[in-house]
Amino acid sequence: MMLPEACVANILSFTTPADTFSSAAVSSVFRVAGDSDFVWEKFLPTDYCHVISRSRDPHRSFSSRKELYRYLCESILIDNGRKIFKIEKLSGKISYILSTRDLSITWSDQRHYWSWSPRSDSRFSEGVELIMTDWLEIIGKIQTGVLSPNTTYGAYLIMKVTSRAYGLDLVPAETSIKVGNGEKKIRSTYLSCLNHKKQQMERVFYGQREQRMAMDKVVGSNRREPELRDDGWMEIELGEFETGSREGDDDKEVVMSLTEVKGYQLKGGIAIDGIEVRPKLNPPKVRD
């Protein structure tokens, strides 16, 4: 005996978007139930109306909650184009990308150090490129309350190394994540991939500066470098954190940063497109 459509819809609402998408192949009842507003309302972010009101098309109408869900799976510019909001299609988890205008970048208002301009490869109206500095400090902030609950998130600096790059692979930078009043988690990373020939030339030019620094070197298999993204950019993981439940006052500020301020190492030639905060593939830890 086939279950009533309303019963099937109720069951699907307790599953995941991925399960609901695949259940359409089971039978026509599952397909119809899986298209119902009742099901997709459960998968939508609780604040989706607020998100849409901050988009460039706040009065857009949708024929169904499923259509609205698919729309939110796209990269939607919000907050006057300073952020991108997106939900993962199969999980319904929320992701954000903070544009460079939404970050705090030391001396980014000084034209001798940073250059702001439109970029054809950027997802935003403009990007910023480092010309020269010996004090690199990039900071982004986000509230855990705008993200999906009970989820492990990673924060990633989206960047590119330009043809004019120099001074990026001699001294490691520091990445950090700090949630609320919790402990600041710090790791080391290089700003470009290892180029042995170029590194030898720069050591001659700059001297053995990195050997005079009182800091650990990141070498061999422990060396962290930017990784290539599907969109053609590269990314540096700044760290990871977990969100709490929606119950109670669990909204905390997450501070994400990349800094290289200890070596007084002149560097330049990196383009920044923002910081992405997205769910990690590994499941969140079980809380006691």
Protein backbone atom coordinates (compact mmCIF):
# COMPACT_ATOMS: atom_id res chain seq x y z
CA MET A 1 0.00 0.00 0.00
CA MET A 2 1.32 3.42 -1.00
CA LEU A 3 1.54 6.03 1.77
CA PRO A 4 -0.57 9.20 1.39
CA GLU A 5 1.20 12.14 -0.24
CA ALA A 6 0.99 14.26 2.93
CA CYS A 7 2.61 11.48 4.95
CA VAL A 8 5.43 11.11 2.42
CA ALA A 9 5.99 14.87 2.45
CA ASN A 10 6.21 14.84 6.24
CA ILE A 11 8.80 12.05 6.11
CA LEU A 12 10.88 13.84 3.47
CA SER A 13 10.93 17.02 5.55
CA PHE A 14 13.01 15.16 8.14
CA THR A 15 15.62 14.05 5.57
CA THR A 16 18.02 16.16 3.53
CA PRO A 17 17.73 18.05 0.23
CA ALA A 18 19.91 15.34 -1.37
CA ASP A 19 17.48 12.60 -0.23
CA THR A 20 14.50 14.58 -1.46
CA PHE A 21 16.04 15.18 -4.88
CA SER A 22 16.81 11.47 -5.32
CA SER A 23 13.45 10.27 -3.96
CA ALA A 24 11.68 11.63 -7.05
CA ALA A 25 12.82 8.50 -8.91
CA VAL A 26 10.98 6.21 -6.47
CA SER A 27 7.43 6.95 -7.58
CA SER A 28 5.08 9.72 -8.69
CA VAL A 29 3.86 10.11 -5.10
CA PHE A 30 7.41 10.77 -3.89
CA ARG A 31 8.00 13.15 -6.80
CA VAL A 32 4.88 15.21 -6.06
CA ALA A 33 5.48 15.15 -2.30
CA GLY A 34 9.09 16.11 -2.87
CA ASP A 35 8.01 19.23 -4.77
CA SER A 36 5.71 20.49 -2.03
CA ASP A 37 6.27 23.81 -0.28
CA PHE A 38 5.90 22.01 3.05
CA VAL A 39 9.09 20.01 2.42
CA TRP A 40 11.27 22.79 1.00
CA GLU A 41 10.23 25.29 3.66
CA LYS A 42 12.01 23.00 6.14
CA PHE A 43 15.23 23.12 4.08
CA LEU A 44 15.31 26.89 3.64
CA PRO A 45 17.41 29.04 6.01
CA THR A 46 15.25 30.49 8.77
CA ASP A 47 16.24 34.02 7.76
CA TYR A 48 15.83 33.62 3.98
CA CYS A 49 13.43 36.59 3.76
CA HIS A 50 16.07 38.82 5.33
CA VAL A 51 18.73 37.49 2.94
CA ILE A 52 16.57 38.19 -0.13
CA SER A 53 15.79 41.69 1.16
CA ARG A 54 19.53 42.41 1.11
CA SER A 55 19.98 41.20 -2.48
CA ARG A 56 19.98 43.30 -5.65
CA ASP A 57 16.50 42.01 -6.51
CA PRO A 58 14.65 42.09 -3.16
CA HIS A 59 11.16 41.97 -4.74
CA ARG A 60 11.72 38.91 -6.90
CA SER A 61 8.86 36.41 -6.69
CA PHE A 62 9.06 32.61 -6.75
CA SER A 63 6.47 30.08 -7.87
CA SER A 64 7.40 27.59 -5.15
CA ARG A 65 9.66 27.05 -2.16
CA LYS A 66 11.68 24.60 -4.26
CA GLU A 67 12.33 27.31 -6.86
CA LEU A 68 13.37 29.65 -4.07
CA TYR A 69 15.72 26.97 -2.71
CA ARG A 70 17.36 26.54 -6.14
CA TYR A 71 17.76 30.32 -6.39
CA LEU A 72 19.57 30.44 -3.05
CA CYS A 73 21.91 27.70 -4.30
CA GLU A 74 23.30 30.26 -6.73
CA SER A 75 25.84 32.88 -5.68
CA ILE A 76 23.71 35.86 -4.65
CA LEU A 77 25.28 39.28 -4.14
CA ILE A 78 23.98 40.96 -0.98
CA ASP A 79 24.75 44.04 1.13
CA ASN A 80 25.40 46.33 -1.86
CA GLY A 81 27.61 43.77 -3.54
CA ARG A 82 29.98 43.40 -0.58
CA LYS A 83 29.09 39.77 0.22
CA ILE A 84 27.96 36.61 -1.54
CA PHE A 85 25.39 34.29 0.05
CA LYS A 86 24.89 30.70 -1.04
CA ILE A 87 23.48 27.43 0.24
CA GLU A 88 24.96 24.05 -0.66
CA LYS A 89 22.49 22.26 -2.95
CA LEU A 90 22.68 18.78 -1.41
CA SER A 91 23.03 19.72 2.25
CA GLY A 92 21.30 23.08 2.58
CA LYS A 93 24.29 24.43 4.52
CA ILE A 94 25.01 28.16 4.30
CA SER A 95 28.19 29.67 2.81
CA TYR A 96 29.39 33.27 2.60
CA ILE A 97 32.11 35.08 0.68
CA LEU A 98 33.23 38.41 2.11
CA SER A 99 34.53 40.79 -0.55
CA THR A 100 37.77 42.71 -0.11
CA ARG A 101 35.69 45.79 0.73
CA ASP A 102 34.26 43.82 3.65
CA LEU A 103 37.74 43.01 4.99
CA SER A 104 40.20 45.04 7.01
CA ILE A 105 43.46 45.26 5.05
CA THR A 106 46.23 47.34 6.60
CA TRP A 107 47.22 50.31 4.41
CA SER A 108 44.79 49.28 1.67
CA ASP A 109 43.81 52.94 1.33
CA GLN A 110 47.39 53.84 0.37
CA ARG A 111 47.94 53.70 -3.40
CA HIS A 112 51.65 53.06 -2.99
CA TYR A 113 50.88 49.77 -1.22
CA TRP A 114 47.60 48.46 -2.66
CA SER A 115 45.81 48.96 -5.98
CA TRP A 116 42.01 48.77 -6.24
CA SER A 117 40.47 48.12 -9.66
CA PRO A 118 37.75 46.12 -11.45
CA ARG A 119 38.84 42.59 -12.33
CA SER A 120 37.27 40.47 -15.06
CA ASP A 121 37.99 37.31 -13.06
CA SER A 122 36.50 38.60 -9.80
CA ARG A 123 33.05 37.69 -8.53
CA PHE A 124 32.75 41.25 -7.17
CA SER A 125 32.83 44.67 -8.85
CA GLU A 126 36.47 45.20 -7.88
CA GLY A 127 39.47 43.52 -6.33
CA VAL A 128 42.69 44.63 -4.72
CA GLU A 129 46.31 43.82 -5.55
CA LEU A 130 49.31 44.19 -3.28
CA ILE A 131 51.99 46.39 -4.82
CA MET A 132 54.49 46.46 -1.97
CA THR A 133 54.51 46.13 1.81
CA ASP A 134 56.51 44.68 4.66
CA TRP A 135 53.43 44.57 6.91
CA LEU A 136 50.72 42.29 5.56
CA GLU A 137 47.55 42.08 7.63
CA ILE A 138 44.16 40.89 6.32
CA ILE A 139 41.24 40.43 8.74
CA GLY A 140 37.65 39.28 8.17
CA LYS A 141 34.79 38.88 10.62
CA ILE A 142 31.51 36.97 10.58
CA GLN A 143 28.88 35.97 13.16
CA THR A 144 28.20 32.28 13.79
CA GLY A 145 24.50 33.12 13.99
CA VAL A 146 24.25 33.74 10.23
CA LEU A 147 25.69 30.30 9.45
CA SER A 148 24.20 26.80 9.67
CA PRO A 149 24.06 25.41 13.21
CA ASN A 150 26.05 22.39 14.44
CA THR A 151 28.40 22.60 11.46
CA THR A 152 32.17 22.55 11.03
CA TYR A 153 33.24 25.51 8.87
CA GLY A 154 36.47 26.40 7.14
CA ALA A 155 37.62 29.93 6.29
CA TYR A 156 39.64 30.47 3.10
CA LEU A 157 41.45 33.51 1.72
CA ILE A 158 40.79 33.66 -2.05
CA MET A 159 43.89 34.95 -3.82
CA LYS A 160 46.16 34.81 -6.88
CA VAL A 161 49.87 35.23 -7.33
CA THR A 162 50.54 37.70 -10.16
CA SER A 163 53.39 37.78 -12.67
CA ARG A 164 54.96 40.63 -10.68
CA ALA A 165 55.12 38.67 -7.42
CA TYR A 166 58.19 38.82 -5.20
CA GLY A 167 59.13 38.09 -1.60
CA LEU A 168 56.25 35.65 -1.04
CA ASP A 169 58.00 32.33 -0.49
CA LEU A 170 60.84 33.21 1.88
CA VAL A 171 59.01 34.00 5.10
CA PRO A 172 55.85 32.15 6.20
CA ALA A 173 52.74 34.09 7.14
CA GLU A 174 50.43 33.28 10.03
CA THR A 175 46.78 32.31 9.66
CA SER A 176 44.42 32.42 12.60
CA ILE A 177 40.84 31.83 13.71
CA LYS A 178 39.30 33.09 16.94
CA VAL A 179 35.68 32.43 17.95
CA GLY A 180 34.21 34.70 20.62
CA ASN A 181 36.39 34.68 23.72
CA GLY A 182 37.92 31.35 22.78
CA GLU A 183 41.53 30.52 22.09
CA LYS A 184 43.17 31.94 18.97
CA LYS A 185 44.26 29.08 16.70
CA ILE A 186 47.41 29.97 14.74
CA ARG A 187 49.14 28.13 11.89
CA SER A 188 51.89 28.99 9.40
CA THR A 189 51.59 29.12 5.63
CA TYR A 190 53.46 30.44 2.63
CA LEU A 191 51.81 32.87 0.23
CA SER A 192 53.00 31.13 -2.93
CA CYS A 193 54.01 27.67 -4.04
CA LEU A 194 57.66 26.70 -3.77
CA ASN A 195 59.84 27.76 -6.69
CA HIS A 196 63.38 26.61 -5.91
CA LYS A 197 65.15 28.65 -8.61
CA LYS A 198 63.32 31.85 -7.75
CA GLN A 199 63.82 31.23 -4.04
CA GLN A 200 67.61 30.95 -4.49
CA MET A 201 67.71 34.25 -6.41
CA GLU A 202 65.64 36.04 -3.78
CA ARG A 203 67.86 34.74 -0.99
CA VAL A 204 70.84 36.32 -2.73
CA PHE A 205 68.94 39.61 -3.07
CA TYR A 206 67.40 39.71 0.41
CA GLY A 207 70.16 37.89 2.26
CA GLN A 208 69.50 34.97 4.60
CA ARG A 209 66.87 37.02 6.38
CA GLU A 210 64.62 34.10 7.19
CA GLN A 211 67.50 32.41 9.03
CA ARG A 212 67.82 35.41 11.32
CA MET A 213 64.18 35.31 12.32
CA ALA A 214 63.21 33.76 15.65
CA MET A 215 60.43 31.63 14.22
CA ASP A 216 59.97 28.06 13.09
CA LYS A 217 60.49 27.29 9.42
CA VAL A 218 57.84 25.47 7.47
CA VAL A 219 59.60 23.00 5.21
CA GLY A 220 59.15 19.69 3.42
CA SER A 221 55.88 17.86 3.82
CA ASN A 222 54.76 20.31 6.55
CA ARG A 223 54.91 23.30 4.22
CA ARG A 224 51.45 24.83 3.72
CA GLU A 225 50.83 26.62 0.43
CA PRO A 226 47.89 28.03 -1.55
CA GLU A 227 45.74 25.43 -3.27
CA LEU A 228 44.02 25.73 -6.64
CA ARG A 229 40.23 26.27 -6.67
CA ASP A 230 37.74 25.20 -9.32
CA ASP A 231 37.15 28.86 -10.29
CA GLY A 232 40.78 29.45 -11.29
CA TRP A 233 41.72 31.33 -8.12
CA MET A 234 43.80 29.89 -5.28
CA GLU A 235 42.95 29.68 -1.61
CA ILE A 236 44.74 29.57 1.73
CA GLU A 237 42.89 27.92 4.60
CA LEU A 238 42.84 30.31 7.54
CA GLY A 239 41.43 27.74 9.95
CA GLU A 240 38.24 25.99 10.98
CA PHE A 241 35.57 26.41 13.65
CA GLU A 242 32.24 24.97 14.73
CA THR A 243 28.88 26.64 15.07
CA GLY A 244 26.58 25.88 17.98
CA SER A 245 22.87 25.24 18.09
CA ARG A 246 20.16 27.81 17.46
CA GLU A 247 19.04 27.45 21.07
CA GLY A 248 20.07 30.15 23.50
CA ASP A 249 22.49 32.99 22.91
CA ASP A 250 25.16 31.16 20.89
CA ASP A 251 25.89 33.91 18.34
CA LYS A 252 29.63 34.57 18.45
CA GLU A 253 32.00 36.68 16.38
CA VAL A 254 34.55 34.77 14.30
CA VAL A 255 37.76 36.68 13.51
CA MET A 256 39.76 35.26 10.60
CA SER A 257 43.17 36.62 9.64
CA LEU A 258 46.34 36.27 7.60
CA THR A 259 49.37 38.25 8.73
CA GLU A 260 53.07 38.52 7.96
CA VAL A 261 54.45 41.28 10.13
CA LYS A 262 57.45 39.73 11.88
CA GLY A 263 60.03 39.46 9.11
CA TYR A 264 59.93 43.02 7.70
CA GLN A 265 60.08 41.21 4.37
CA LEU A 266 59.18 43.32 1.34
CA LYS A 267 56.60 41.49 -0.73
CA GLY A 268 54.13 42.19 -3.51
CA GLY A 269 52.17 40.68 -6.36
CA ILE A 270 49.16 39.01 -4.80
CA ALA A 271 45.55 39.74 -5.76
CA ILE A 272 42.83 39.25 -3.14
CA ASP A 273 39.19 38.45 -3.96
CA GLY A 274 37.83 37.90 -0.46
CA ILE A 275 37.39 35.33 2.30
CA GLU A 276 35.07 32.36 1.84
CA VAL A 277 33.40 30.71 4.84
CA ARG A 278 31.97 27.33 3.84
CA PRO A 279 31.07 23.99 5.47
CA LYS A 280 33.85 21.45 5.58
CA LEU A 281 33.32 17.94 4.23
CA ASN A 282 34.07 16.24 7.53
CA PRO A 283 31.10 15.90 9.91
CA PRO A 284 30.90 18.06 13.05
CA LYS A 285 32.10 16.57 16.31
CA VAL A 286 29.50 14.95 18.55
CA ARG A 287 28.79 17.10 21.58
CA ASP A 288 28.45 15.48 24.97
